């Protein structure tokens, strides 16, 4: 096992009890005595050890202020939460998707990165020169889950940031990561119940892990200032009677849409509310009939890779949506999908949405 910047895992030496874990996951009867099979947040099953593997410590950089994070394994039923104490900043980070990479670019941490992927949802608003300097590990539009374990290990990676599903048994399990000196980090903002506070928490964590606490605090304050300005501009009446929004992410047979979580919170801060806010998930796939029945005031397209126009044409010609009031009135807007999931540009995305929903408020 190679030496790396983080310290040993500290975890309880008890069996993982899956009842009560995040996401309502349950252990499979096929698990052996030393492992358990669980279902993740996206329905994928993976086998994990009941006890974590220890990771070596490199405490050579004494000036670094040790910092402990919690690996929130219970959130997706991966296992029992455990702690990781860093004694120096990771030096070879991999970020899966522009959503994740933008956290590092925004904090000026490109020199700590071994590579990143753009993923399917590109950062179409934020411009970071570092994006052209850091190695892309896959082609644009291809997630890190398509890379091989050999490719990952060849980078010398010591910290990997991505959605929970990236760390499934089919890809880069928590067990695989820990055995190879890689700390897996799935952000707080990716939880179904997350809000802007969780984006702030991710900035705080990364700021402490990489020794850029002051800059991270500045970035968080800038977000708060942007949101405060939007709230002041819109006024209390808008929030008392928000515009009803259908978020169109993707899907033709049935729409994949945003409900709660960070996207739901962002929409609310922009003076709207998802027509599927009653679904207790960040994302869901209801039917087109339900969209028609709920008759949204506006439609918000999530732009993956400058595909807003293509999606708009689909909605204008789809038998279910072409007669919607929002379509006939031309109230179809868009926002960067990467930022809508929680990222460096999320506060700006709120302002962009608010300007589209209530243009008259910003003309004063």
Protein backbone atom coordinates (compact mmCIF):
# COMPACT_ATOMS: atom_id res chain seq x y z
CA UNK A 1 0.00 0.00 0.00
CA UNK A 2 1.44 3.39 -0.97
CA UNK A 3 1.97 6.22 1.51
CA UNK A 4 -0.43 9.15 1.19
CA UNK A 5 -1.58 12.32 2.88
CA UNK A 6 -4.33 11.01 5.11
CA UNK A 7 -4.34 9.28 8.45
CA UNK A 8 -5.87 6.05 9.63
CA UNK A 9 -9.53 5.24 9.50
CA UNK A 10 -11.22 5.28 12.89
CA UNK A 11 -14.34 3.16 13.00
CA UNK A 12 -16.33 0.99 15.37
CA UNK A 13 -15.41 -2.68 15.21
CA UNK A 14 -19.00 -3.84 15.15
CA UNK A 15 -21.08 -5.41 12.39
CA UNK A 16 -22.90 -3.06 10.06
CA UNK A 17 -26.55 -2.83 10.98
CA UNK A 18 -28.40 -1.88 7.83
CA UNK A 19 -31.77 -1.19 9.41
CA UNK A 20 -32.11 2.56 9.77
CA UNK A 21 -29.36 3.38 7.26
CA UNK A 22 -29.91 6.26 4.84
CA UNK A 23 -32.11 5.69 1.81
CA UNK A 24 -34.05 2.83 3.39
CA UNK A 25 -31.47 0.31 2.19
CA UNK A 26 -31.41 -3.24 3.54
CA UNK A 27 -28.84 -6.01 3.64
CA UNK A 28 -29.16 -8.89 1.21
CA UNK A 29 -29.33 -12.44 2.42
CA UNK A 30 -26.54 -13.35 -0.02
CA UNK A 31 -23.88 -11.52 2.00
CA UNK A 32 -21.23 -13.61 3.74
CA UNK A 33 -20.34 -13.28 7.41
CA UNK A 34 -17.60 -10.74 6.67
CA UNK A 35 -19.45 -8.74 4.00
CA UNK A 36 -22.88 -7.34 3.34
CA UNK A 37 -24.74 -6.54 0.12
CA UNK A 38 -26.66 -3.26 0.15
CA UNK A 39 -28.68 -1.19 -2.28
CA UNK A 40 -27.42 2.31 -3.02
CA UNK A 41 -29.30 5.55 -3.66
CA UNK A 42 -29.73 4.82 -7.36
CA UNK A 43 -30.77 1.21 -6.95
CA UNK A 44 -27.34 -0.29 -7.58
CA UNK A 45 -26.24 -3.15 -5.34
CA UNK A 46 -22.77 -3.50 -3.94
CA UNK A 47 -20.87 -5.70 -1.51
CA UNK A 48 -18.85 -4.07 1.26
CA UNK A 49 -16.77 -5.34 4.16
CA UNK A 50 -18.33 -4.96 7.58
CA UNK A 51 -15.08 -3.53 8.89
CA UNK A 52 -12.96 -0.84 7.27
CA UNK A 53 -9.35 -1.38 6.27
CA UNK A 54 -6.71 0.75 7.98
CA UNK A 55 -4.87 3.32 5.86
CA UNK A 56 -1.28 4.38 6.47
CA UNK A 57 -0.40 7.78 7.89
CA UNK A 58 2.07 10.29 6.49
CA UNK A 59 2.58 12.98 9.13
CA UNK A 60 5.73 14.47 7.62
CA UNK A 61 4.13 17.88 7.01
CA UNK A 62 3.95 19.13 10.57
CA UNK A 63 2.70 22.62 9.62
CA UNK A 64 -0.59 21.17 8.45
CA UNK A 65 -3.47 21.45 10.92
CA UNK A 66 -4.99 17.95 11.25
CA UNK A 67 -8.62 17.78 10.20
CA UNK A 68 -11.15 14.98 10.59
CA UNK A 69 -14.06 14.33 8.26
CA UNK A 70 -16.85 11.79 8.46
CA UNK A 71 -17.27 9.42 5.54
CA UNK A 72 -21.07 9.36 5.46
CA UNK A 73 -21.50 5.74 4.39
CA UNK A 74 -24.88 5.32 6.04
CA UNK A 75 -26.49 7.88 3.75
CA UNK A 76 -26.63 5.44 0.86
CA UNK A 77 -26.51 2.22 2.80
CA UNK A 78 -22.85 1.58 2.04
CA UNK A 79 -22.04 0.80 5.64
CA UNK A 80 -21.35 2.36 9.01
CA UNK A 81 -20.10 5.94 9.10
CA UNK A 82 -16.38 6.25 9.78
CA UNK A 83 -13.91 9.05 10.34
CA UNK A 84 -10.83 10.05 8.38
CA UNK A 85 -8.20 12.36 9.89
CA UNK A 86 -5.97 14.23 7.45
CA UNK A 87 -2.47 15.20 8.52
CA UNK A 88 -1.61 16.81 5.18
CA UNK A 89 -3.55 17.84 2.12
CA UNK A 90 -4.22 15.21 -0.57
CA UNK A 91 -1.98 15.79 -3.57
CA UNK A 92 -3.61 13.78 -6.35
CA UNK A 93 -7.34 14.40 -6.40
CA UNK A 94 -9.77 13.01 -8.96
CA UNK A 95 -13.12 14.76 -9.40
CA UNK A 96 -15.93 13.05 -11.30
CA UNK A 97 -17.83 15.57 -13.40
CA UNK A 98 -17.74 19.34 -13.78
CA UNK A 99 -19.99 19.67 -10.73
CA UNK A 100 -17.24 18.22 -8.55
CA UNK A 101 -14.27 19.66 -10.43
CA UNK A 102 -15.60 23.21 -10.10
CA UNK A 103 -15.28 23.05 -6.31
CA UNK A 104 -11.53 22.54 -6.74
CA UNK A 105 -11.14 25.09 -9.54
CA UNK A 106 -13.06 27.65 -7.48
CA UNK A 107 -10.70 27.08 -4.55
CA UNK A 108 -7.57 27.27 -6.72
CA UNK A 109 -6.65 23.64 -6.03
CA UNK A 110 -5.79 22.56 -9.56
CA UNK A 111 -2.22 21.75 -8.49
CA UNK A 112 -3.67 19.14 -6.14
CA UNK A 113 -5.55 17.38 -8.94
CA UNK A 114 -4.49 14.22 -10.77
CA UNK A 115 -7.42 14.51 -13.15
CA UNK A 116 -11.14 15.01 -13.64
CA UNK A 117 -14.00 14.17 -15.94
CA UNK A 118 -16.53 16.56 -17.41
CA UNK A 119 -19.25 13.93 -17.15
CA UNK A 120 -22.60 14.28 -18.87
CA UNK A 121 -23.54 17.62 -17.25
CA UNK A 122 -21.01 20.24 -18.24
CA UNK A 123 -20.28 23.49 -16.48
CA UNK A 124 -21.72 25.79 -19.16
CA UNK A 125 -21.54 29.06 -17.18
CA UNK A 126 -18.39 29.06 -15.05
CA UNK A 127 -15.08 29.71 -16.78
CA UNK A 128 -11.96 28.42 -15.05
CA UNK A 129 -8.65 28.54 -16.98
CA UNK A 130 -7.49 25.58 -14.87
CA UNK A 131 -10.03 23.40 -16.64
CA UNK A 132 -7.69 23.32 -19.65
CA UNK A 133 -4.63 22.53 -17.52
CA UNK A 134 -5.81 19.52 -15.52
CA UNK A 135 -5.80 16.09 -17.14
CA UNK A 136 -9.17 14.84 -18.39
CA UNK A 137 -9.43 11.14 -17.65
CA UNK A 138 -12.29 10.38 -20.03
CA UNK A 139 -13.82 11.94 -23.11
CA UNK A 140 -16.34 14.73 -22.58
CA UNK A 141 -19.71 13.27 -21.70
CA UNK A 142 -18.20 10.09 -20.20
CA UNK A 143 -18.33 9.59 -16.44
CA UNK A 144 -15.46 8.29 -14.33
CA UNK A 145 -17.35 5.05 -13.75
CA UNK A 146 -16.31 4.10 -17.29
CA UNK A 147 -12.62 4.26 -16.39
CA UNK A 148 -10.76 1.14 -15.30
CA UNK A 149 -9.34 0.55 -11.85
CA UNK A 150 -5.90 0.31 -13.45
CA UNK A 151 -6.35 3.76 -14.95
CA UNK A 152 -7.34 5.22 -11.59
CA UNK A 153 -4.44 3.62 -9.73
CA UNK A 154 -1.99 4.81 -12.39
CA UNK A 155 -2.79 8.43 -11.47
CA UNK A 156 -1.59 7.89 -7.89
CA UNK A 157 -4.97 9.19 -6.72
CA UNK A 158 -5.31 9.78 -2.96
CA UNK A 159 -8.73 11.52 -2.85
CA UNK A 160 -11.76 10.91 -5.08
CA UNK A 161 -14.91 13.04 -5.14
CA UNK A 162 -18.13 11.97 -6.82
CA UNK A 163 -21.72 10.84 -6.38
CA UNK A 164 -22.42 7.84 -4.14
CA UNK A 165 -22.93 5.57 -7.14
CA UNK A 166 -19.30 6.08 -8.19
CA UNK A 167 -18.30 4.07 -5.14
CA UNK A 168 -20.48 1.06 -5.90
CA UNK A 169 -19.01 -2.42 -6.07
CA UNK A 170 -19.25 -2.28 -9.87
CA UNK A 171 -16.98 0.76 -9.97
CA UNK A 172 -14.70 1.98 -7.17
CA UNK A 173 -16.05 0.61 -3.91
CA UNK A 174 -15.21 2.15 -0.56
CA UNK A 175 -13.27 -1.02 0.22
CA UNK A 176 -11.26 -0.71 -3.02
CA UNK A 177 -10.51 2.94 -2.32
CA UNK A 178 -9.35 2.44 1.25
CA UNK A 179 -7.17 -0.54 0.36
CA UNK A 180 -5.42 1.60 -2.25
CA UNK A 181 -4.92 4.72 -0.13
CA UNK A 182 -7.79 6.67 -1.72
CA UNK A 183 -10.25 8.61 0.41
CA UNK A 184 -13.73 8.51 -1.16
CA UNK A 185 -15.75 11.69 -0.67
CA UNK A 186 -19.36 12.04 -1.76
CA UNK A 187 -20.46 15.59 -1.01
CA UNK A 188 -23.10 16.60 1.49
CA UNK A 189 -24.86 18.51 -1.31
CA UNK A 190 -25.67 15.27 -3.16
CA UNK A 191 -28.11 14.08 -0.51
CA UNK A 192 -31.83 13.94 -1.32
CA UNK A 193 -32.49 16.26 1.63
CA UNK A 194 -29.62 18.70 0.96
CA UNK A 195 -29.93 22.48 0.84
CA UNK A 196 -27.52 25.36 0.28
CA UNK A 197 -26.24 24.77 3.79
CA UNK A 198 -24.81 21.49 2.55
CA UNK A 199 -23.00 23.23 -0.30
CA UNK A 200 -21.49 25.53 2.32
CA UNK A 201 -20.55 22.47 4.36
CA UNK A 202 -18.70 20.98 1.37
CA UNK A 203 -16.74 24.21 0.97
CA UNK A 204 -15.90 24.13 4.66
CA UNK A 205 -14.73 20.51 4.48
CA UNK A 206 -12.61 21.03 1.36
CA UNK A 207 -11.24 24.28 2.76
CA UNK A 208 -10.01 22.50 5.88
CA UNK A 209 -8.80 19.36 4.12
CA UNK A 210 -6.72 21.37 1.65
CA UNK A 211 -5.67 24.20 3.95
CA UNK A 212 -7.59 26.98 2.18
CA UNK A 213 -10.08 27.76 4.93
CA UNK A 214 -10.09 31.53 4.39
CA UNK A 215 -10.72 31.28 0.66
CA UNK A 216 -13.47 28.72 1.21
CA UNK A 217 -15.14 31.08 3.69
CA UNK A 218 -14.91 33.91 1.15
CA UNK A 219 -16.57 31.76 -1.50
CA UNK A 220 -19.38 30.83 0.86
CA UNK A 221 -19.94 34.44 1.87
CA UNK A 222 -20.08 35.48 -1.80
CA UNK A 223 -22.80 32.87 -2.37
CA UNK A 224 -24.76 34.12 0.63
CA UNK A 225 -24.46 37.71 -0.62
CA UNK A 226 -25.79 36.71 -4.06
CA UNK A 227 -28.76 34.90 -2.55
CA UNK A 228 -29.50 37.81 -0.21
CA UNK A 229 -29.51 40.19 -3.18
CA UNK A 230 -31.92 37.94 -5.09
CA UNK A 231 -34.22 37.68 -2.06
CA UNK A 232 -34.27 41.44 -1.59
CA UNK A 233 -34.99 42.01 -5.29
CA UNK A 234 -37.85 39.52 -5.46
CA UNK A 235 -39.56 40.58 -2.25
CA UNK A 236 -41.74 38.76 0.26
CA UNK A 237 -44.80 38.43 -1.97
CA UNK A 238 -42.94 36.30 -4.52
CA UNK A 239 -41.88 33.81 -1.85
CA UNK A 240 -45.40 33.75 -0.40
CA UNK A 241 -46.84 32.80 -3.80
CA UNK A 242 -44.00 31.14 -5.77
CA UNK A 243 -44.15 30.29 -9.44
CA UNK A 244 -44.76 26.59 -10.15
CA UNK A 245 -41.87 24.99 -12.03
CA UNK A 246 -41.55 21.77 -14.01
CA UNK A 247 -37.87 20.88 -14.21
CA UNK A 248 -37.05 18.92 -17.35
CA UNK A 249 -33.76 17.14 -16.94
CA UNK A 250 -34.09 14.39 -19.55
CA UNK A 251 -36.20 11.46 -20.72
CA UNK A 252 -38.65 10.88 -23.54
CA UNK A 253 -40.80 7.96 -22.38
CA UNK A 254 -41.04 9.61 -18.95
CA UNK A 255 -39.43 12.78 -17.58
CA UNK A 256 -36.55 12.74 -15.11
CA UNK A 257 -37.14 15.78 -12.92
CA UNK A 258 -35.95 17.64 -9.84
CA UNK A 259 -38.09 17.52 -6.71
CA UNK A 260 -36.34 18.44 -3.47
CA UNK A 261 -32.69 18.42 -2.37
CA UNK A 262 -30.35 21.11 -3.67
CA UNK A 263 -32.23 21.68 -6.96
CA UNK A 264 -35.49 22.08 -5.06
CA UNK A 265 -33.90 24.53 -2.62
CA UNK A 266 -32.36 26.50 -5.48
CA UNK A 267 -35.71 26.83 -7.21
CA UNK A 268 -37.31 28.04 -4.00
CA UNK A 269 -34.61 30.66 -3.53
CA UNK A 270 -35.32 31.82 -7.09
CA UNK A 271 -38.97 32.37 -6.21
CA UNK A 272 -40.34 29.09 -7.52
CA UNK A 273 -41.33 25.63 -6.37
CA UNK A 274 -41.07 22.32 -8.19
CA UNK A 275 -44.45 20.90 -9.18
CA UNK A 276 -43.09 17.64 -7.75
CA UNK A 277 -41.96 19.11 -4.44
CA UNK A 278 -44.28 16.64 -2.71
CA UNK A 279 -42.00 13.75 -3.78
CA UNK A 280 -39.57 13.08 -0.94
CA UNK A 281 -36.51 12.75 -3.18
CA UNK A 282 -34.00 15.00 -4.88
CA UNK A 283 -34.85 13.49 -8.27
CA UNK A 284 -37.65 11.30 -9.60
CA UNK A 285 -39.25 9.95 -12.79
CA UNK A 286 -43.00 10.66 -12.72
CA UNK A 287 -45.25 10.26 -15.77
CA UNK A 288 -46.00 12.78 -18.48
CA UNK A 289 -49.65 12.52 -17.44
CA UNK A 290 -48.70 13.84 -14.00
CA UNK A 291 -46.89 16.78 -15.58
CA UNK A 292 -49.98 17.65 -17.61
CA UNK A 293 -52.22 17.30 -14.56
CA UNK A 294 -50.05 19.64 -12.49
CA UNK A 295 -49.92 22.25 -15.29
CA UNK A 296 -46.72 24.17 -14.44
CA UNK A 297 -46.43 27.94 -14.82
CA UNK A 298 -42.96 27.60 -16.33
CA UNK A 299 -40.61 24.88 -17.54
CA UNK A 300 -36.95 24.85 -16.55
CA UNK A 301 -34.67 22.82 -18.82
CA UNK A 302 -31.45 21.56 -17.30
CA UNK A 303 -28.71 22.19 -19.83
CA UNK A 304 -26.28 19.28 -20.04
CA UNK A 305 -23.96 20.27 -22.86
CA UNK A 306 -25.64 23.22 -24.59
CA UNK A 307 -28.64 21.02 -25.43
CA UNK A 308 -31.36 23.46 -24.32
CA UNK A 309 -32.55 24.12 -27.86
CA UNK A 310 -32.85 20.41 -28.62
CA UNK A 311 -34.84 19.78 -25.45
CA UNK A 312 -37.06 22.79 -26.15
CA UNK A 313 -37.98 21.40 -29.55
CA UNK A 314 -38.82 18.06 -27.96
CA UNK A 315 -41.18 19.71 -25.48
CA UNK A 316 -42.84 21.73 -28.23
CA UNK A 317 -43.54 18.58 -30.25
CA UNK A 318 -44.15 15.99 -27.55
CA UNK A 319 -47.84 15.02 -27.50
CA UNK A 320 -47.99 15.40 -23.73
CA UNK A 321 -46.29 18.77 -23.39
CA UNK A 322 -46.98 20.68 -26.62
CA UNK A 323 -50.31 21.97 -25.29
CA UNK A 324 -49.08 22.90 -21.83
CA UNK A 325 -49.77 26.50 -20.88
CA UNK A 326 -46.05 27.10 -20.22
CA UNK A 327 -45.15 25.87 -23.71
CA UNK A 328 -47.85 27.89 -25.48
CA UNK A 329 -46.84 31.02 -23.57
CA UNK A 330 -43.15 30.46 -24.35
CA UNK A 331 -42.20 30.23 -20.70
CA UNK A 332 -39.43 27.71 -21.19
CA UNK A 333 -36.17 28.62 -19.48
CA UNK A 334 -32.89 26.87 -18.72
CA UNK A 335 -30.18 26.51 -16.10
CA UNK A 336 -26.83 24.75 -16.01
CA UNK A 337 -27.43 21.16 -14.88
CA UNK A 338 -24.03 20.94 -13.22
CA UNK A 339 -24.73 23.98 -11.04
CA UNK A 340 -28.28 22.80 -10.27
CA UNK A 341 -26.86 19.75 -8.49
CA UNK A 342 -24.77 21.81 -6.07
CA UNK A 343 -21.49 23.37 -7.12
CA UNK A 344 -19.46 26.56 -7.31
CA UNK A 345 -22.02 28.22 -9.57
CA UNK A 346 -25.18 27.34 -7.65
CA UNK A 347 -25.83 30.80 -6.20
CA UNK A 348 -25.32 32.40 -9.61
CA UNK A 349 -27.72 29.82 -11.06
CA UNK A 350 -30.36 30.98 -8.57
CA UNK A 351 -29.94 34.53 -9.83
CA UNK A 352 -30.16 33.36 -13.45
CA UNK A 353 -33.40 31.51 -12.71
CA UNK A 354 -34.88 34.43 -10.79
CA UNK A 355 -34.16 36.79 -13.69
CA UNK A 356 -35.95 34.42 -16.05
CA UNK A 357 -38.94 33.83 -13.74
CA UNK A 358 -39.37 37.50 -12.77
CA UNK A 359 -37.65 39.71 -15.38
CA UNK A 360 -39.69 42.74 -14.34
CA UNK A 361 -38.19 42.63 -10.84
CA UNK A 362 -34.68 43.10 -12.23
CA UNK A 363 -35.55 45.95 -14.57
CA UNK A 364 -35.97 48.42 -11.73
